[in-house]
Amino acid sequence: MAEELTFHLEDFDGPLELLLALVAKHKMDLHNIPILQLIDQYTRTVEQADPETASAFIEMAAHLVEMKSFLLLPRSEEGERMKQELTGQLIEYDQCRRMAALLRAKGETAPVFVRRPMEMELDNTYALHHAPQILADYWQALAGRTKTRRVPTQQQFEPLVTAPMVSVTSRVVYILRRMLGGTVAKMEQLFSRSQSRSTNVATFLALLELVRGGRIALDDRGELTMRRTRPERNKENP
């Protein structure tokens, strides 16, 4: 009569570990497992298991029963394939367990050296130097005594008020004269850092107007070409 097994499923991390325990229990060769005997032992072990706590074990049992049905057939290629696949999984799992045990043993015997924490002297001295007025301003800001919005001064408004107004029409005449005189051949020659911002903006708007009106052609390289006559617009068919 076969020896009764007393395994408890909660003692195993998974079905592969239970299969390895059965192999070790009956001293089977891991590389030449009597698979039908192993299947019978496994299914007897899990047949009384609780489905809610041992679903993975029951799933493996169903897989093993299917494998057994193929192996009982004469010359079953599917059964041999399933047998080789299960054997490979067991060999790899056994190697991982052995390596984990070896690493655990090495970790437990390895010496651990811990030194006492270094005592650091804390220096709260502030080494930076600031002007007294800056410190006073920041103190007022921290105390909430500064105004949230400062009134602009006259010096801040003067550049805006005294700046000359440049019209787009005047820059149109300027561009056409430059091109007629042959002093401008590229778009970048119309702009300069020495000119005011309003002058450059007006020049850009004037150039857009001339291109849109067909008086000047602008290619991808930024070269300008002046047209003597405006191109005729295509009339839409009624």
C-alpha atoms as a PDB file:
ATOM      1  CA  MET A   1       0.000   0.000   0.000  1.00  0.00           C
ATOM      2  CA  ALA A   2       1.335   3.386  -0.914  1.00  0.00           C
ATOM      3  CA  GLU A   3       2.497   5.606   1.913  1.00  0.00           C
ATOM      4  CA  GLU A   4      -0.017   8.207   2.929  1.00  0.00           C
ATOM      5  CA  LEU A   5       1.102  11.803   2.418  1.00  0.00           C
ATOM      6  CA  THR A   6       0.551  14.432   5.053  1.00  0.00           C
ATOM      7  CA  PHE A   7       1.432  17.604   3.126  1.00  0.00           C
ATOM      8  CA  HIS A   8      -0.428  20.833   3.902  1.00  0.00           C
ATOM      9  CA  LEU A   9      -0.853  23.139   0.931  1.00  0.00           C
ATOM     10  CA  GLU A  10      -0.363  26.295   2.977  1.00  0.00           C
ATOM     11  CA  ASP A  11       3.236  25.165   3.614  1.00  0.00           C
ATOM     12  CA  PHE A  12       4.149  25.526  -0.075  1.00  0.00           C
ATOM     13  CA  ASP A  13       4.585  28.675  -2.135  1.00  0.00           C
ATOM     14  CA  GLY A  14       3.116  27.105  -5.264  1.00  0.00           C
ATOM     15  CA  PRO A  15       2.361  23.885  -7.166  1.00  0.00           C
ATOM     16  CA  LEU A  16       5.948  23.553  -8.460  1.00  0.00           C
ATOM     17  CA  GLU A  17       7.271  23.469  -4.899  1.00  0.00           C
ATOM     18  CA  LEU A  18       4.763  20.760  -4.009  1.00  0.00           C
ATOM     19  CA  LEU A  19       5.828  18.728  -7.043  1.00  0.00           C
ATOM     20  CA  LEU A  20       9.482  19.042  -6.023  1.00  0.00           C
ATOM     21  CA  ALA A  21       8.573  17.909  -2.506  1.00  0.00           C
ATOM     22  CA  LEU A  22       6.872  14.830  -3.959  1.00  0.00           C
ATOM     23  CA  VAL A  23       9.905  14.102  -6.126  1.00  0.00           C
ATOM     24  CA  ALA A  24      12.193  14.352  -3.088  1.00  0.00           C
ATOM     25  CA  LYS A  25       9.794  12.340  -0.913  1.00  0.00           C
ATOM     26  CA  HIS A  26       9.856   9.334  -3.238  1.00  0.00           C
ATOM     27  CA  LYS A  27      13.486   9.808  -4.343  1.00  0.00           C
ATOM     28  CA  MET A  28      12.673  10.305  -8.008  1.00  0.00           C
ATOM     29  CA  ASP A  29      15.238  11.340 -10.578  1.00  0.00           C
ATOM     30  CA  LEU A  30      14.427  14.901 -11.514  1.00  0.00           C
ATOM     31  CA  HIS A  31      15.766  14.368 -15.055  1.00  0.00           C
ATOM     32  CA  ASN A  32      13.787  11.148 -15.551  1.00  0.00           C
ATOM     33  CA  ILE A  33      10.577  11.542 -13.596  1.00  0.00           C
ATOM     34  CA  PRO A  34       7.961   8.746 -13.653  1.00  0.00           C
ATOM     35  CA  ILE A  35       5.400  11.316 -14.643  1.00  0.00           C
ATOM     36  CA  LEU A  36       2.291   9.124 -14.285  1.00  0.00           C
ATOM     37  CA  GLN A  37       3.201   8.223 -10.715  1.00  0.00           C
ATOM     38  CA  LEU A  38       3.926  11.848  -9.892  1.00  0.00           C
ATOM     39  CA  ILE A  39       0.571  12.931 -11.337  1.00  0.00           C
ATOM     40  CA  ASP A  40      -1.323  10.379  -9.237  1.00  0.00           C
ATOM     41  CA  GLN A  41       0.453  11.484  -6.071  1.00  0.00           C
ATOM     42  CA  TYR A  42      -0.146  15.148  -6.775  1.00  0.00           C
ATOM     43  CA  THR A  43      -3.849  14.761  -7.519  1.00  0.00           C
ATOM     44  CA  ARG A  44      -4.369  12.692  -4.319  1.00  0.00           C
ATOM     45  CA  THR A  45      -2.648  15.457  -2.357  1.00  0.00           C
ATOM     46  CA  VAL A  46      -4.826  18.315  -3.606  1.00  0.00           C
ATOM     47  CA  GLU A  47      -8.167  16.526  -4.023  1.00  0.00           C
ATOM     48  CA  GLN A  48      -9.220  17.542  -0.511  1.00  0.00           C
ATOM     49  CA  ALA A  49      -7.983  21.129  -0.863  1.00  0.00           C
ATOM     50  CA  ASP A  50     -10.209  24.165  -0.438  1.00  0.00           C
ATOM     51  CA  PRO A  51     -10.787  25.729  -3.891  1.00  0.00           C
ATOM     52  CA  GLU A  52     -10.660  29.244  -2.470  1.00  0.00           C
ATOM     53  CA  THR A  53      -7.234  28.832  -0.861  1.00  0.00           C
ATOM     54  CA  ALA A  54      -5.621  26.410  -3.352  1.00  0.00           C
ATOM     55  CA  SER A  55      -6.831  27.503  -6.788  1.00  0.00           C
ATOM     56  CA  ALA A  56      -3.298  27.441  -8.249  1.00  0.00           C
ATOM     57  CA  PHE A  57      -2.762  23.875  -6.986  1.00  0.00           C
ATOM     58  CA  ILE A  58      -6.077  22.711  -8.451  1.00  0.00           C
ATOM     59  CA  GLU A  59      -5.276  24.369 -11.783  1.00  0.00           C
ATOM     60  CA  MET A  60      -1.983  22.472 -11.914  1.00  0.00           C
ATOM     61  CA  ALA A  61      -3.853  19.261 -11.057  1.00  0.00           C
ATOM     62  CA  ALA A  62      -6.183  19.787 -13.998  1.00  0.00           C
ATOM     63  CA  HIS A  63      -3.162  20.382 -16.219  1.00  0.00           C
ATOM     64  CA  LEU A  64      -1.541  17.166 -14.985  1.00  0.00           C
ATOM     65  CA  VAL A  65      -4.715  15.145 -15.560  1.00  0.00           C
ATOM     66  CA  GLU A  66      -4.833  16.441 -19.115  1.00  0.00           C
ATOM     67  CA  MET A  67      -1.183  15.478 -19.566  1.00  0.00           C
ATOM     68  CA  LYS A  68      -1.892  11.980 -18.224  1.00  0.00           C
ATOM     69  CA  SER A  69      -4.717  11.514 -20.724  1.00  0.00           C
ATOM     70  CA  PHE A  70      -2.310  12.281 -23.574  1.00  0.00           C
ATOM     71  CA  LEU A  71       0.444  10.054 -22.162  1.00  0.00           C
ATOM     72  CA  LEU A  72      -1.883   7.059 -21.943  1.00  0.00           C
ATOM     73  CA  LEU A  73      -2.330   7.229 -25.709  1.00  0.00           C
ATOM     74  CA  PRO A  74       0.212   5.325 -27.816  1.00  0.00           C
ATOM     75  CA  ARG A  75       2.895   7.585 -29.318  1.00  0.00           C
ATOM     76  CA  SER A  76       1.371  10.865 -28.173  1.00  0.00           C
ATOM     77  CA  GLU A  77       3.555  13.774 -29.291  1.00  0.00           C
ATOM     78  CA  GLU A  78       1.472  16.284 -27.314  1.00  0.00           C
ATOM     79  CA  GLY A  79       1.912  14.258 -24.146  1.00  0.00           C
ATOM     80  CA  GLU A  80       5.683  14.073 -24.592  1.00  0.00           C
ATOM     81  CA  ARG A  81       5.829  17.808 -25.231  1.00  0.00           C
ATOM     82  CA  MET A  82       3.866  18.549 -22.067  1.00  0.00           C
ATOM     83  CA  LYS A  83       6.072  16.142 -20.102  1.00  0.00           C
ATOM     84  CA  GLN A  84       9.281  17.817 -21.303  1.00  0.00           C
ATOM     85  CA  GLU A  85       7.849  21.261 -20.544  1.00  0.00           C
ATOM     86  CA  LEU A  86       6.921  20.297 -16.976  1.00  0.00           C
ATOM     87  CA  THR A  87      10.297  18.620 -16.410  1.00  0.00           C
ATOM     88  CA  GLY A  88      12.100  21.766 -17.579  1.00  0.00           C
ATOM     89  CA  GLN A  89      10.037  23.941 -15.237  1.00  0.00           C
ATOM     90  CA  LEU A  90      10.823  21.686 -12.283  1.00  0.00           C
ATOM     91  CA  ILE A  91      14.562  21.670 -13.053  1.00  0.00           C
ATOM     92  CA  GLU A  92      14.681  25.477 -13.378  1.00  0.00           C
ATOM     93  CA  TYR A  93      12.631  25.961 -10.203  1.00  0.00           C
ATOM     94  CA  ASP A  94      14.900  23.564  -8.302  1.00  0.00           C
ATOM     95  CA  GLN A  95      17.999  25.451  -9.479  1.00  0.00           C
ATOM     96  CA  CYS A  96      16.451  28.764  -8.380  1.00  0.00           C
ATOM     97  CA  ARG A  97      15.652  27.336  -4.948  1.00  0.00           C
ATOM     98  CA  ARG A  98      19.192  26.025  -4.512  1.00  0.00           C
ATOM     99  CA  MET A  99      20.706  29.349  -5.584  1.00  0.00           C
ATOM    100  CA  ALA A 100      18.396  31.291  -3.250  1.00  0.00           C
ATOM    101  CA  ALA A 101      19.378  29.060  -0.334  1.00  0.00           C
ATOM    102  CA  LEU A 102      23.071  29.527  -1.169  1.00  0.00           C
ATOM    103  CA  LEU A 103      22.714  33.311  -1.330  1.00  0.00           C
ATOM    104  CA  ARG A 104      20.776  33.327   1.939  1.00  0.00           C
ATOM    105  CA  ALA A 105      23.499  31.319   3.643  1.00  0.00           C
ATOM    106  CA  LYS A 106      26.219  33.610   2.324  1.00  0.00           C
ATOM    107  CA  GLY A 107      24.255  36.650   3.429  1.00  0.00           C
ATOM    108  CA  GLU A 108      23.803  35.300   6.936  1.00  0.00           C
ATOM    109  CA  THR A 109      27.507  34.495   7.345  1.00  0.00           C
ATOM    110  CA  ALA A 110      28.833  37.665   5.739  1.00  0.00           C
ATOM    111  CA  PRO A 111      30.290  40.086   8.281  1.00  0.00           C
ATOM    112  CA  VAL A 112      28.529  43.414   8.675  1.00  0.00           C
ATOM    113  CA  PHE A 113      30.509  46.387   9.901  1.00  0.00           C
ATOM    114  CA  VAL A 114      28.642  49.445  11.130  1.00  0.00           C
ATOM    115  CA  ARG A 115      30.383  52.527  12.432  1.00  0.00           C
ATOM    116  CA  ARG A 116      28.936  55.063  14.791  1.00  0.00           C
ATOM    117  CA  PRO A 117      27.416  58.182  13.202  1.00  0.00           C
ATOM    118  CA  MET A 118      29.851  61.039  12.810  1.00  0.00           C
ATOM    119  CA  GLU A 119      29.238  64.047  15.003  1.00  0.00           C
ATOM    120  CA  MET A 120      29.069  67.177  12.873  1.00  0.00           C
ATOM    121  CA  GLU A 121      29.494  70.633  14.314  1.00  0.00           C
ATOM    122  CA  LEU A 122      26.602  72.813  13.220  1.00  0.00           C
ATOM    123  CA  ASP A 123      27.508  76.384  12.352  1.00  0.00           C
ATOM    124  CA  ASN A 124      24.526  78.727  11.971  1.00  0.00           C
ATOM    125  CA  THR A 125      26.637  81.753  11.102  1.00  0.00           C
ATOM    126  CA  TYR A 126      25.349  83.567   8.007  1.00  0.00           C
ATOM    127  CA  ALA A 127      28.458  84.402   5.965  1.00  0.00           C
ATOM    128  CA  LEU A 128      26.896  86.650   3.295  1.00  0.00           C
ATOM    129  CA  HIS A 129      26.906  90.454   3.528  1.00  0.00           C
ATOM    130  CA  HIS A 130      24.105  92.739   2.275  1.00  0.00           C
ATOM    131  CA  ALA A 131      23.589  96.455   2.114  1.00  0.00           C
ATOM    132  CA  PRO A 132      21.588  97.833   5.051  1.00  0.00           C
ATOM    133  CA  GLN A 133      18.849  99.195   2.762  1.00  0.00           C
ATOM    134  CA  ILE A 134      18.308  95.789   1.166  1.00  0.00           C
ATOM    135  CA  LEU A 135      17.923  94.196   4.589  1.00  0.00           C
ATOM    136  CA  ALA A 136      15.506  96.937   5.623  1.00  0.00           C
ATOM    137  CA  ASP A 137      13.400  96.448   2.475  1.00  0.00           C
ATOM    138  CA  TYR A 138      13.169  92.717   2.995  1.00  0.00           C
ATOM    139  CA  TRP A 139      12.257  93.204   6.636  1.00  0.00           C
ATOM    140  CA  GLN A 140       9.462  95.547   5.637  1.00  0.00           C
ATOM    141  CA  ALA A 141       8.267  92.996   3.062  1.00  0.00           C
ATOM    142  CA  LEU A 142       8.249  90.212   5.634  1.00  0.00           C
ATOM    143  CA  ALA A 143       6.353  92.401   8.078  1.00  0.00           C
ATOM    144  CA  GLY A 144       3.729  93.135   5.402  1.00  0.00           C
ATOM    145  CA  ARG A 145       4.332  96.880   5.484  1.00  0.00           C
ATOM    146  CA  THR A 146       5.274  97.324   1.810  1.00  0.00           C
ATOM    147  CA  LYS A 147       2.763  98.269  -0.849  1.00  0.00           C
ATOM    148  CA  THR A 148       1.705  95.382  -3.042  1.00  0.00           C
ATOM    149  CA  ARG A 149       1.792  97.579  -6.163  1.00  0.00           C
ATOM    150  CA  ARG A 150       4.192 100.382  -6.760  1.00  0.00           C
ATOM    151  CA  VAL A 151       3.103 103.451  -8.720  1.00  0.00           C
ATOM    152  CA  PRO A 152       5.138 103.810 -11.951  1.00  0.00           C
ATOM    153  CA  THR A 153       7.499 106.773 -11.947  1.00  0.00           C
ATOM    154  CA  GLN A 154       7.738 109.453 -14.606  1.00  0.00           C
ATOM    155  CA  GLN A 155      11.109 108.086 -15.731  1.00  0.00           C
ATOM    156  CA  GLN A 156       9.439 104.785 -16.589  1.00  0.00           C
ATOM    157  CA  PHE A 157       6.825 106.481 -18.796  1.00  0.00           C
ATOM    158  CA  GLU A 158       9.144 108.862 -20.625  1.00  0.00           C
ATOM    159  CA  PRO A 159      10.567 106.300 -23.118  1.00  0.00           C
ATOM    160  CA  LEU A 160       7.029 105.304 -24.091  1.00  0.00           C
ATOM    161  CA  VAL A 161       5.696 108.846 -24.465  1.00  0.00           C
ATOM    162  CA  THR A 162       8.666 110.331 -26.271  1.00  0.00           C
ATOM    163  CA  ALA A 163       9.162 107.407 -28.684  1.00  0.00           C
ATOM    164  CA  PRO A 164       8.511 108.519 -32.313  1.00  0.00           C
ATOM    165  CA  MET A 165       5.459 107.003 -33.987  1.00  0.00           C
ATOM    166  CA  VAL A 166       6.373 105.237 -37.232  1.00  0.00           C
ATOM    167  CA  SER A 167       3.559 104.653 -39.713  1.00  0.00           C
ATOM    168  CA  VAL A 168       3.302 101.594 -41.953  1.00  0.00           C
ATOM    169  CA  THR A 169       2.763 103.836 -45.002  1.00  0.00           C
ATOM    170  CA  SER A 170       6.096 105.578 -44.498  1.00  0.00           C
ATOM    171  CA  ARG A 171       7.874 102.228 -44.305  1.00  0.00           C
ATOM    172  CA  VAL A 172       6.159 101.084 -47.517  1.00  0.00           C
ATOM    173  CA  VAL A 173       7.681 104.087 -49.292  1.00  0.00           C
ATOM    174  CA  TYR A 174      11.006 103.382 -47.599  1.00  0.00           C
ATOM    175  CA  ILE A 175      11.090  99.751 -48.813  1.00  0.00           C
ATOM    176  CA  LEU A 176      10.124 100.646 -52.381  1.00  0.00           C
ATOM    177  CA  ARG A 177      12.777 103.373 -52.574  1.00  0.00           C
ATOM    178  CA  ARG A 178      15.467 101.070 -51.216  1.00  0.00           C
ATOM    179  CA  MET A 179      14.610  98.386 -53.745  1.00  0.00           C
ATOM    180  CA  LEU A 180      14.424 100.818 -56.648  1.00  0.00           C
ATOM    181  CA  GLY A 181      17.840 102.161 -55.667  1.00  0.00           C
ATOM    182  CA  GLY A 182      19.255  98.641 -55.547  1.00  0.00           C
ATOM    183  CA  THR A 183      20.391  98.867 -51.921  1.00  0.00           C
ATOM    184  CA  VAL A 184      18.132  96.085 -50.655  1.00  0.00           C
ATOM    185  CA  ALA A 185      18.098  92.531 -51.994  1.00  0.00           C
ATOM    186  CA  LYS A 186      17.218  90.481 -48.901  1.00  0.00           C
ATOM    187  CA  MET A 187      14.629  90.831 -46.167  1.00  0.00           C
ATOM    188  CA  GLU A 188      17.222  90.932 -43.375  1.00  0.00           C
ATOM    189  CA  GLN A 189      18.676  94.170 -44.846  1.00  0.00           C
ATOM    190  CA  LEU A 190      15.468  96.014 -43.956  1.00  0.00           C
ATOM    191  CA  PHE A 191      15.921  95.487 -40.229  1.00  0.00           C
ATOM    192  CA  SER A 192      18.601  96.680 -37.865  1.00  0.00           C
ATOM    193  CA  ARG A 193      19.255  96.583 -34.130  1.00  0.00           C
ATOM    194  CA  SER A 194      20.026 100.277 -34.222  1.00  0.00           C
ATOM    195  CA  GLN A 195      16.445 101.028 -35.266  1.00  0.00           C
ATOM    196  CA  SER A 196      13.735 101.374 -32.665  1.00  0.00           C
ATOM    197  CA  ARG A 197      11.312  98.583 -32.000  1.00  0.00           C
ATOM    198  CA  SER A 198       8.393 100.512 -33.467  1.00  0.00           C
ATOM    199  CA  THR A 199      10.405 101.102 -36.672  1.00  0.00           C
ATOM    200  CA  ASN A 200      11.154  97.393 -37.097  1.00  0.00           C
ATOM    201  CA  VAL A 201       7.536  96.452 -36.408  1.00  0.00           C
ATOM    202  CA  ALA A 202       6.242  99.003 -38.913  1.00  0.00           C
ATOM    203  CA  THR A 203       8.792  97.775 -41.485  1.00  0.00           C
ATOM    204  CA  PHE A 204       7.660  94.176 -41.019  1.00  0.00           C
ATOM    205  CA  LEU A 205       3.982  95.121 -41.423  1.00  0.00           C
ATOM    206  CA  ALA A 206       4.803  97.163 -44.521  1.00  0.00           C
ATOM    207  CA  LEU A 207       6.671  94.212 -46.043  1.00  0.00           C
ATOM    208  CA  LEU A 208       3.702  91.936 -45.409  1.00  0.00           C
ATOM    209  CA  GLU A 209       1.401  94.434 -47.089  1.00  0.00           C
ATOM    210  CA  LEU A 210       3.663  94.673 -50.164  1.00  0.00           C
ATOM    211  CA  VAL A 211       3.920  90.896 -50.476  1.00  0.00           C
ATOM    212  CA  ARG A 212       0.169  90.486 -50.059  1.00  0.00           C
ATOM    213  CA  GLY A 213      -0.485  93.128 -52.695  1.00  0.00           C
ATOM    214  CA  GLY A 214       1.887  91.498 -55.167  1.00  0.00           C
ATOM    215  CA  ARG A 215       4.333  94.406 -55.380  1.00  0.00           C
ATOM    216  CA  ILE A 216       7.192  92.356 -53.899  1.00  0.00           C
ATOM    217  CA  ALA A 217       7.981  88.645 -54.104  1.00  0.00           C
ATOM    218  CA  LEU A 218       9.698  86.899 -51.181  1.00  0.00           C
ATOM    219  CA  ASP A 219      11.237  83.427 -51.643  1.00  0.00           C
ATOM    220  CA  ASP A 220      12.252  80.819 -49.081  1.00  0.00           C
ATOM    221  CA  ARG A 221      15.826  82.180 -48.853  1.00  0.00           C
ATOM    222  CA  GLY A 222      14.597  85.644 -47.874  1.00  0.00           C
ATOM    223  CA  GLU A 223      15.468  87.279 -51.231  1.00  0.00           C
ATOM    224  CA  LEU A 224      13.250  90.129 -52.379  1.00  0.00           C
ATOM    225  CA  THR A 225      12.159  90.749 -55.946  1.00  0.00           C
ATOM    226  CA  MET A 226      10.241  93.853 -56.996  1.00  0.00           C
ATOM    227  CA  ARG A 227       7.489  93.480 -59.561  1.00  0.00           C
ATOM    228  CA  ARG A 228       6.872  96.330 -61.907  1.00  0.00           C
ATOM    229  CA  THR A 229       3.219  95.359 -62.453  1.00  0.00           C
ATOM    230  CA  ARG A 230       0.844  93.767 -60.048  1.00  0.00           C
ATOM    231  CA  PRO A 231      -0.219  90.179 -60.916  1.00  0.00           C
ATOM    232  CA  GLU A 232      -3.788  89.820 -62.103  1.00  0.00           C
ATOM    233  CA  ARG A 233      -6.048  88.060 -59.685  1.00  0.00           C
ATOM    234  CA  ASN A 234      -7.977  85.047 -60.909  1.00  0.00           C
ATOM    235  CA  LYS A 235     -11.650  85.826 -61.268  1.00  0.00           C
ATOM    236  CA  GLU A 236     -13.959  83.214 -59.854  1.00  0.00           C
ATOM    237  CA  ASN A 237     -16.373  81.643 -62.296  1.00  0.00           C
ATOM    238  CA  PRO A 238     -19.925  82.600 -61.640  1.00  0.00           C
END
